Amino acid sequence: MRRRWAGLWIGLAALALLVGGAAALAQDGDTTIDTIYGLITVDQAEVRVGPDFAYDAIGRLVRDTSVVIIGRSGDFFNRWDGRQWLKIQFGETDAWLYARLARTSVAFNSIPLAGTRLLPRDRNGRVPEGFDLSSDICTQWQGNFTQSAGDFNGSNRITVTYPALQGANVYSVIAISPSGSRTPFDSETTEAVILPESLPWEGGTYTWRVAPYWTDSPRRYNWQQVCLLQTGGTFEKPYTGPYTPTPPPG
């Protein structure tokens, strides 16, 4: 029991020295140090290429190892459930560590989000076949976003394209109006069509964004988003309501 309490106090002291050292540097150099630290609390903590236990492990860290934290995935509410991960510096690269395996210098939910999601699961709780788990799959989603030169003044439509993500089987393009109204246009390919009749009456500059999904169900509410939305482009749409809006005075 004494050894266990001694180890705990040593770990806390080490973490305090890390944080205190960063603060001292900030005062001496009159600059702000925003570095977030973590201290490994178990022996042989596995480090993975992505924020999910299904990803390939690329190394291990021993107890009381200090790490620099870059970001997080997930949120902590009242218990650890496998969804909370820390993005850390690991040698010459970045990697992911299950958050329960480290004590952090700030509260978990105060760590900035690192812009990634957990992997989708099928009805058996397994990651569907087709995804490449040798690297964070959202870093694999790269390529060009294009759109046709539609102007919506007639029956023109805007055709947009976006990169494919290995393993994803449906994509959702979201057209966002100037006031924030969102209209989805879904496709099973890397091309979607934005229909003018489906958009709000509102005129102005619209932004379209797209995200990949995986699903084994025809019901949209069962779709599992794989990566965060990425912005593809913008387009102009005229007002299409039943009356002519009155221009502002002056």
Protein backbone atom coordinates (compact mmCIF):
# COMPACT_ATOMS: atom_id res chain seq x y z
CA MET A 1 0.00 0.00 0.00
CA ARG A 2 2.84 2.42 0.89
CA ARG A 3 4.55 1.69 -2.42
CA ARG A 4 1.35 2.39 -4.36
CA TRP A 5 0.78 5.72 -2.58
CA ALA A 6 4.44 6.61 -3.07
CA GLY A 7 4.14 5.94 -6.81
CA LEU A 8 1.02 8.08 -7.02
CA TRP A 9 2.69 11.03 -5.28
CA ILE A 10 5.76 10.71 -7.52
CA GLY A 11 3.53 10.79 -10.59
CA LEU A 12 1.63 13.83 -9.36
CA ALA A 13 4.88 15.59 -8.53
CA ALA A 14 6.26 14.88 -11.98
CA LEU A 15 3.16 16.26 -13.64
CA ALA A 16 3.27 19.35 -11.42
CA LEU A 17 6.92 19.95 -12.38
CA LEU A 18 6.01 19.73 -16.07
CA VAL A 19 3.20 22.26 -15.74
CA GLY A 20 5.17 24.51 -13.41
CA GLY A 21 8.17 24.45 -15.75
CA ALA A 22 6.02 25.52 -18.65
CA ALA A 23 4.57 28.38 -16.60
CA ALA A 24 8.05 29.51 -15.55
CA LEU A 25 9.20 29.59 -19.16
CA ALA A 26 6.18 31.67 -20.05
CA GLN A 27 7.00 34.23 -17.34
CA ASP A 28 10.73 34.41 -18.18
CA GLY A 29 10.12 34.86 -21.89
CA ASP A 30 6.98 36.99 -21.47
CA THR A 31 5.14 34.63 -23.83
CA THR A 32 2.21 32.28 -23.30
CA ILE A 33 2.94 28.54 -23.23
CA ASP A 34 -0.15 26.57 -24.20
CA THR A 35 1.49 23.14 -24.11
CA ILE A 36 -0.67 20.44 -22.53
CA TYR A 37 1.08 17.53 -20.86
CA GLY A 38 0.14 14.00 -19.93
CA LEU A 39 1.65 11.45 -17.56
CA ILE A 40 1.24 7.73 -18.31
CA THR A 41 -0.37 5.95 -15.36
CA VAL A 42 0.01 2.29 -16.44
CA ASP A 43 2.85 0.18 -17.72
CA GLN A 44 3.08 -0.63 -21.43
CA ALA A 45 0.30 1.72 -22.57
CA GLU A 46 -0.42 1.06 -26.24
CA VAL A 47 -0.12 3.90 -28.74
CA ARG A 48 -2.16 3.65 -31.96
CA VAL A 49 -2.32 5.33 -35.34
CA GLY A 50 -5.92 6.47 -34.80
CA PRO A 51 -8.43 7.09 -31.99
CA ASP A 52 -9.95 3.62 -31.78
CA PHE A 53 -8.87 0.24 -30.40
CA ALA A 54 -9.29 -1.25 -33.90
CA TYR A 55 -6.41 0.82 -35.28
CA ASP A 56 -2.93 -0.67 -35.56
CA ALA A 57 -0.70 -0.26 -32.48
CA ILE A 58 2.66 1.34 -33.24
CA GLY A 59 4.33 1.36 -29.83
CA ARG A 60 4.06 1.32 -26.05
CA LEU A 61 4.84 3.75 -23.24
CA VAL A 62 5.98 2.83 -19.74
CA ARG A 63 4.47 4.18 -16.54
CA ASP A 64 5.42 7.79 -15.61
CA THR A 65 6.41 8.69 -19.18
CA SER A 66 5.52 12.31 -19.91
CA VAL A 67 3.93 13.16 -23.26
CA VAL A 68 2.89 16.33 -25.08
CA ILE A 69 -0.81 16.35 -25.94
CA ILE A 70 -1.91 17.88 -29.24
CA GLY A 71 -5.65 17.31 -29.06
CA ARG A 72 -8.45 14.93 -28.20
CA SER A 73 -11.26 12.88 -29.71
CA GLY A 74 -14.56 12.42 -27.87
CA ASP A 75 -15.94 13.93 -24.68
CA PHE A 76 -15.89 12.79 -21.06
CA PHE A 77 -19.17 12.89 -19.14
CA ASN A 78 -19.30 10.54 -16.16
CA ARG A 79 -17.29 7.46 -17.17
CA TRP A 80 -14.70 6.20 -19.63
CA ASP A 81 -16.38 4.25 -22.43
CA GLY A 82 -13.69 3.82 -25.10
CA ARG A 83 -14.54 7.04 -26.95
CA GLN A 84 -12.04 9.35 -25.25
CA TRP A 85 -8.63 9.55 -26.91
CA LEU A 86 -5.58 11.81 -26.72
CA LYS A 87 -3.52 12.82 -29.74
CA ILE A 88 0.11 12.96 -28.63
CA GLN A 89 3.57 13.57 -29.98
CA PHE A 90 5.21 10.17 -30.43
CA GLY A 91 8.75 10.35 -31.71
CA GLU A 92 8.76 11.94 -35.16
CA THR A 93 5.03 11.53 -35.68
CA ASP A 94 1.65 12.00 -34.02
CA ALA A 95 -0.25 9.09 -32.49
CA TRP A 96 -3.25 8.30 -30.28
CA LEU A 97 -3.49 7.12 -26.69
CA TYR A 98 -6.62 6.01 -24.82
CA ALA A 99 -7.26 8.88 -22.41
CA ARG A 100 -7.85 6.68 -19.37
CA LEU A 101 -4.19 5.64 -19.51
CA ALA A 102 -2.85 9.12 -18.74
CA ARG A 103 -3.27 11.95 -16.25
CA THR A 104 -3.49 15.29 -18.05
CA SER A 105 -2.44 18.78 -16.97
CA VAL A 106 -5.90 20.15 -17.88
CA ALA A 107 -9.37 18.61 -17.78
CA PHE A 108 -10.01 16.25 -20.71
CA ASN A 109 -12.88 18.30 -22.16
CA SER A 110 -10.67 21.42 -22.07
CA ILE A 111 -8.23 19.85 -24.54
CA PRO A 112 -8.89 21.10 -28.10
CA LEU A 113 -10.64 18.68 -30.44
CA ALA A 114 -8.31 17.17 -33.01
CA GLY A 115 -10.89 16.84 -35.78
CA THR A 116 -11.46 13.10 -36.06
CA ARG A 117 -14.09 10.53 -35.10
CA LEU A 118 -14.40 6.94 -33.91
CA LEU A 119 -14.65 4.26 -36.54
CA PRO A 120 -18.08 3.00 -37.63
CA ARG A 121 -19.31 -0.37 -36.35
CA ASP A 122 -21.57 -2.97 -37.90
CA ARG A 123 -24.34 -4.79 -36.04
CA ASN A 124 -21.78 -7.20 -34.57
CA GLY A 125 -19.72 -4.35 -33.14
CA ARG A 126 -16.91 -4.79 -35.67
CA VAL A 127 -15.33 -2.23 -37.96
CA PRO A 128 -16.76 -2.93 -41.45
CA GLU A 129 -14.45 -4.47 -44.02
CA GLY A 130 -12.84 -2.14 -46.51
CA PHE A 131 -11.30 0.46 -44.20
CA ASP A 132 -7.51 0.81 -44.09
CA LEU A 133 -6.59 0.76 -40.40
CA SER A 134 -2.85 1.22 -40.88
CA SER A 135 -3.30 5.00 -40.50
CA ASP A 136 -5.97 7.41 -39.26
CA ILE A 137 -8.59 6.98 -41.98
CA CYS A 138 -9.54 10.67 -42.02
CA THR A 139 -5.98 11.57 -43.01
CA GLN A 140 -6.57 9.30 -46.02
CA TRP A 141 -9.50 11.41 -47.23
CA GLN A 142 -7.65 13.75 -49.53
CA GLY A 143 -8.23 15.03 -53.04
CA ASN A 144 -9.92 17.73 -55.06
CA PHE A 145 -13.32 19.36 -54.54
CA THR A 146 -14.94 20.77 -57.69
CA GLN A 147 -18.25 22.29 -58.77
CA SER A 148 -19.90 23.12 -62.08
CA ALA A 149 -20.64 26.74 -62.99
CA GLY A 150 -24.37 26.74 -62.28
CA ASP A 151 -26.00 30.07 -61.53
CA PHE A 152 -29.58 29.00 -60.61
CA ASN A 153 -31.08 31.73 -62.81
CA GLY A 154 -32.84 29.12 -64.90
CA SER A 155 -33.06 25.38 -64.39
CA ASN A 156 -29.32 25.11 -63.84
CA ARG A 157 -28.08 22.71 -61.23
CA ILE A 158 -24.70 22.58 -59.56
CA THR A 159 -22.78 19.32 -59.79
CA VAL A 160 -20.11 18.90 -57.13
CA THR A 161 -17.38 16.30 -56.77
CA TYR A 162 -15.19 15.30 -53.82
CA PRO A 163 -12.53 12.68 -53.03
CA ALA A 164 -13.40 9.08 -52.28
CA LEU A 165 -12.64 7.51 -48.91
CA GLN A 166 -11.83 3.82 -48.88
CA GLY A 167 -14.51 1.99 -46.87
CA ALA A 168 -17.16 4.74 -47.02
CA ASN A 169 -20.27 3.84 -49.02
CA VAL A 170 -22.33 7.05 -48.95
CA TYR A 171 -21.58 10.79 -48.90
CA SER A 172 -23.70 13.72 -47.79
CA VAL A 173 -23.28 17.19 -49.28
CA ILE A 174 -24.76 19.93 -47.08
CA ALA A 175 -25.71 23.24 -48.71
CA ILE A 176 -25.68 26.00 -46.07
CA SER A 177 -27.60 29.23 -46.70
CA PRO A 178 -26.34 32.67 -45.53
CA SER A 179 -28.62 32.43 -42.47
CA GLY A 180 -27.43 28.89 -41.65
CA SER A 181 -30.25 26.75 -43.08
CA ARG A 182 -28.86 23.33 -44.06
CA THR A 183 -30.09 21.18 -46.96
CA PRO A 184 -28.59 17.70 -47.56
CA PHE A 185 -27.93 16.13 -50.95
CA ASP A 186 -26.83 12.49 -50.60
CA SER A 187 -24.97 10.27 -53.04
CA GLU A 188 -23.38 6.83 -53.15
CA THR A 189 -20.67 8.11 -55.50
CA THR A 190 -18.13 10.94 -55.40
CA GLU A 191 -20.53 13.20 -57.30
CA ALA A 192 -23.71 14.91 -56.07
CA VAL A 193 -26.20 17.35 -57.59
CA ILE A 194 -27.44 20.43 -55.71
CA LEU A 195 -31.03 21.08 -56.82
CA PRO A 196 -32.28 24.71 -56.80
CA GLU A 197 -35.86 23.69 -56.02
CA SER A 198 -34.73 21.99 -52.80
CA LEU A 199 -33.00 25.06 -51.39
CA PRO A 200 -34.62 27.82 -49.29
CA TRP A 201 -36.02 30.98 -50.92
CA GLU A 202 -33.12 32.91 -49.40
CA GLY A 203 -30.63 34.48 -51.81
CA GLY A 204 -26.94 35.12 -51.31
CA THR A 205 -23.74 33.13 -50.95
CA TYR A 206 -24.23 29.46 -50.07
CA THR A 207 -21.47 27.16 -48.82
CA TRP A 208 -21.42 23.45 -49.53
CA ARG A 209 -19.68 20.96 -47.29
CA VAL A 210 -19.38 17.18 -47.51
CA ALA A 211 -18.73 14.22 -45.19
CA PRO A 212 -18.30 10.47 -45.82
CA TYR A 213 -20.54 7.92 -44.08
CA TRP A 214 -20.83 4.16 -43.72
CA THR A 215 -24.15 2.35 -43.41
CA ASP A 216 -25.81 -1.02 -43.81
CA SER A 217 -29.30 0.46 -43.44
CA PRO A 218 -31.51 2.44 -45.86
CA ARG A 219 -32.64 4.67 -42.98
CA ARG A 220 -30.63 7.86 -42.84
CA TYR A 221 -30.69 8.09 -39.05
CA ASN A 222 -28.66 4.85 -38.96
CA TRP A 223 -25.83 6.29 -41.05
CA GLN A 224 -22.50 6.56 -39.22
CA GLN A 225 -20.38 9.58 -40.05
CA VAL A 226 -16.76 8.62 -40.64
CA CYS A 227 -14.97 11.99 -40.88
CA LEU A 228 -15.86 15.59 -40.12
CA LEU A 229 -17.39 17.85 -42.76
CA GLN A 230 -14.99 19.51 -45.18
CA THR A 231 -15.81 22.66 -47.10
CA GLY A 232 -15.96 22.12 -50.85
CA GLY A 233 -16.88 25.57 -52.17
CA THR A 234 -19.45 28.33 -52.46
CA PHE A 235 -22.06 29.46 -54.99
CA GLU A 236 -24.44 32.37 -55.47
CA LYS A 237 -28.20 31.86 -55.43
CA PRO A 238 -30.84 34.50 -56.18
CA TYR A 239 -33.91 35.00 -54.04
CA THR A 240 -36.66 32.66 -55.30
CA GLY A 241 -39.62 33.53 -53.05
CA PRO A 242 -43.16 34.45 -54.11
CA TYR A 243 -42.70 38.19 -53.63
CA THR A 244 -40.04 40.78 -54.34
CA PRO A 245 -38.20 41.71 -51.16
CA THR A 246 -38.17 45.41 -50.29
CA PRO A 247 -34.65 46.84 -50.42
CA PRO A 248 -33.41 48.54 -47.25
CA PRO A 249 -33.76 52.35 -47.19
CA GLY A 250 -30.82 54.46 -48.24
